[in-house]
Amino acid sequence: MGRFWGFILVLLLWMGCGGNAPSSNAPTSKIEADSSQTGVQLSSGEKEFLNLLNALRAESGVNPLVLDQTLLAASAHHSLYMASKSTLTHSEPKPNASAEDRIMNLGGSFSFSGENIALGATDGTSLFDQWYSSPAHRDNMLSEKYQFIGISDNEGYWTADFGGN
């Protein structure tokens, strides 16, 4: 399936013509993009990005990413930090010096972790296009070692934290 048809599929799902059921092997501590039971509310841009990303992963033969509470908290923390400092950076002062530190300090225990950051994307599609155009960011988006994600936008400062076991 080409990128265009993947986008059409995501659009149809978003419009309510399909479902976004969790995979049967997803751990119960993980959540879906629009799960009302957990109280997690992604912005429309965050949800749009996640849907585009998972369509790309499906098109590429890679399992979809599932939202994770710890990664959501880490990405929200880092997007807030970058917005408060008006800077695009992967680093923070200790104890949250790196993405791995932030995730671990919030209770995450992943064998693999990674992070994409961006500034200026106005919606999920522009963020997707920005990261897709960058080989290093695209590698994180398509990595088979990641099963989980947290995504956050704060005033145009975007963070995606990835985790895998």
Protein backbone atom coordinates (compact mmCIF):
# COMPACT_ATOMS: atom_id res chain seq x y z
CA MET A 1 0.00 0.00 0.00
CA GLY A 2 1.45 3.38 -0.96
CA ARG A 3 1.76 6.36 1.36
CA PHE A 4 -1.28 7.99 -0.31
CA TRP A 5 -3.51 4.96 0.36
CA GLY A 6 -2.18 4.70 3.90
CA PHE A 7 -3.23 8.30 4.45
CA ILE A 8 -6.69 7.57 3.00
CA LEU A 9 -7.05 4.59 5.35
CA VAL A 10 -6.09 6.74 8.34
CA LEU A 11 -8.51 9.45 7.22
CA LEU A 12 -11.34 6.91 7.00
CA LEU A 13 -10.50 5.58 10.45
CA TRP A 14 -10.40 9.09 11.83
CA MET A 15 -13.79 9.86 10.29
CA GLY A 16 -15.31 6.89 12.07
CA CYS A 17 -15.52 4.48 9.16
CA GLY A 18 -13.33 1.94 10.93
CA GLY A 19 -12.12 0.95 14.34
CA ASN A 20 -8.94 1.48 16.28
CA ALA A 21 -9.02 -1.73 18.31
CA PRO A 22 -6.07 -2.63 20.51
CA SER A 23 -3.95 -5.54 19.39
CA SER A 24 -4.76 -8.71 21.26
CA ASN A 25 -1.20 -8.94 22.60
CA ALA A 26 -0.98 -5.36 23.89
CA PRO A 27 -0.20 -5.27 27.61
CA THR A 28 -3.06 -3.99 29.74
CA SER A 29 -0.90 -1.18 31.15
CA LYS A 30 -0.64 0.30 27.67
CA ILE A 31 -3.37 2.44 26.14
CA GLU A 32 -4.87 3.38 22.80
CA ALA A 33 -4.85 6.83 21.25
CA ASP A 34 -8.52 7.45 22.01
CA SER A 35 -9.12 5.32 25.08
CA SER A 36 -11.76 6.99 27.22
CA GLN A 37 -11.20 4.62 30.16
CA THR A 38 -7.73 6.01 30.93
CA GLY A 39 -8.56 9.69 30.70
CA VAL A 40 -5.74 10.25 28.19
CA GLN A 41 -6.74 12.92 25.73
CA LEU A 42 -4.37 13.51 22.85
CA SER A 43 -4.71 16.76 20.96
CA SER A 44 -6.01 16.44 17.41
CA GLY A 45 -2.45 17.01 16.13
CA GLU A 46 -0.96 14.35 18.39
CA LYS A 47 -3.66 11.88 17.38
CA GLU A 48 -3.22 12.76 13.70
CA PHE A 49 0.54 12.13 13.93
CA LEU A 50 0.09 8.80 15.71
CA ASN A 51 -2.43 7.63 13.12
CA LEU A 52 -0.13 8.61 10.24
CA LEU A 53 2.83 6.97 11.95
CA ASN A 54 1.00 3.71 12.55
CA ALA A 55 -0.27 3.69 8.95
CA LEU A 56 3.35 4.07 7.78
CA ARG A 57 4.46 1.27 10.09
CA ALA A 58 1.69 -1.00 8.78
CA GLU A 59 2.63 -0.16 5.20
CA SER A 60 6.24 -1.02 6.07
CA GLY A 61 5.35 -4.33 7.75
CA VAL A 62 6.11 -3.07 11.27
CA ASN A 63 3.71 -3.46 14.21
CA PRO A 64 1.88 -0.31 15.33
CA LEU A 65 3.07 1.67 18.32
CA VAL A 66 0.87 1.70 21.41
CA LEU A 67 0.63 4.67 23.75
CA ASP A 68 2.36 4.21 27.08
CA GLN A 69 1.64 6.23 30.24
CA THR A 70 5.30 6.68 31.17
CA LEU A 71 6.32 7.74 27.66
CA LEU A 72 3.37 10.15 27.52
CA ALA A 73 4.52 11.72 30.79
CA ALA A 74 8.15 11.91 29.61
CA SER A 75 7.22 13.50 26.29
CA ALA A 76 4.85 15.99 27.95
CA HIS A 77 7.53 16.91 30.48
CA HIS A 78 10.13 17.49 27.77
CA SER A 79 7.85 19.49 25.46
CA LEU A 80 6.95 21.72 28.43
CA TYR A 81 10.63 22.10 29.30
CA MET A 82 11.58 23.10 25.74
CA ALA A 83 8.67 25.56 25.51
CA SER A 84 9.55 27.12 28.88
CA LYS A 85 13.17 27.63 27.77
CA SER A 86 12.30 28.53 24.14
CA THR A 87 14.89 26.04 22.94
CA LEU A 88 14.98 22.83 20.95
CA THR A 89 17.16 20.33 22.82
CA HIS A 90 17.34 16.69 23.84
CA SER A 91 19.12 17.66 27.07
CA GLU A 92 17.88 19.00 30.39
CA PRO A 93 19.65 19.67 33.66
CA LYS A 94 20.08 16.60 35.90
CA PRO A 95 18.30 14.46 36.98
CA ASN A 96 16.45 14.51 33.62
CA ALA A 97 19.55 15.03 31.50
CA SER A 98 18.51 12.72 28.65
CA ALA A 99 15.39 11.06 27.29
CA GLU A 100 16.52 7.80 28.87
CA ASP A 101 16.92 9.56 32.24
CA ARG A 102 13.47 11.16 32.02
CA ILE A 103 11.81 7.87 31.13
CA MET A 104 13.65 5.97 33.87
CA ASN A 105 12.93 8.67 36.49
CA LEU A 106 9.22 8.35 35.69
CA GLY A 107 9.30 4.58 36.26
CA GLY A 108 9.87 3.34 32.73
CA SER A 109 11.92 0.19 32.31
CA PHE A 110 12.49 -0.26 28.59
CA SER A 111 15.37 -2.14 27.02
CA PHE A 112 15.39 0.41 24.19
CA SER A 113 14.41 4.05 24.13
CA GLY A 114 14.65 6.90 21.67
CA GLU A 115 13.39 10.41 21.13
CA ASN A 116 12.38 12.68 18.30
CA ILE A 117 11.93 16.42 18.88
CA ALA A 118 10.74 19.17 16.58
CA LEU A 119 9.83 22.83 16.56
CA GLY A 120 7.32 24.60 14.38
CA ALA A 121 5.09 21.82 13.11
CA THR A 122 1.55 23.17 13.14
CA ASP A 123 -0.28 19.83 13.07
CA GLY A 124 0.29 16.09 12.99
CA THR A 125 0.73 15.96 9.23
CA SER A 126 3.41 18.64 9.12
CA LEU A 127 5.21 16.92 12.02
CA PHE A 128 4.99 13.57 10.24
CA ASP A 129 6.38 15.08 7.03
CA GLN A 130 9.20 16.82 8.91
CA TRP A 131 10.35 13.67 10.67
CA TYR A 132 9.76 11.43 7.64
CA SER A 133 12.13 13.66 5.64
CA SER A 134 14.94 13.15 8.17
CA PRO A 135 16.67 9.74 8.00
CA ALA A 136 17.50 9.62 11.74
CA HIS A 137 13.96 10.60 12.78
CA ARG A 138 12.40 8.23 10.23
CA ASP A 139 14.59 5.41 11.60
CA ASN A 140 13.06 5.93 15.06
CA MET A 141 9.57 6.05 13.54
CA LEU A 142 10.05 2.72 11.74
CA SER A 143 12.27 0.87 14.22
CA GLU A 144 11.04 -2.63 14.98
CA LYS A 145 12.69 -2.45 18.42
CA TYR A 146 10.05 0.04 19.58
CA GLN A 147 6.54 -1.04 20.54
CA PHE A 148 5.46 1.97 22.60
CA ILE A 149 5.25 5.73 22.21
CA GLY A 150 4.41 8.94 24.03
CA ILE A 151 3.73 12.05 21.92
CA SER A 152 3.32 15.63 23.10
CA ASP A 153 3.02 19.11 21.65
CA ASN A 154 3.46 22.21 23.79
CA GLU A 155 3.29 25.53 21.91
CA GLY A 156 4.85 23.97 18.79
CA TYR A 157 7.57 22.09 20.69
CA TRP A 158 7.01 18.42 19.89
CA THR A 159 8.47 15.37 21.61
CA ALA A 160 7.97 11.71 20.73
CA ASP A 161 9.51 9.24 23.16
CA PHE A 162 9.82 5.63 22.03
CA GLY A 163 10.27 2.49 24.12
CA GLY A 164 10.74 -1.18 23.51
CA ASN A 165 11.60 -4.41 25.26
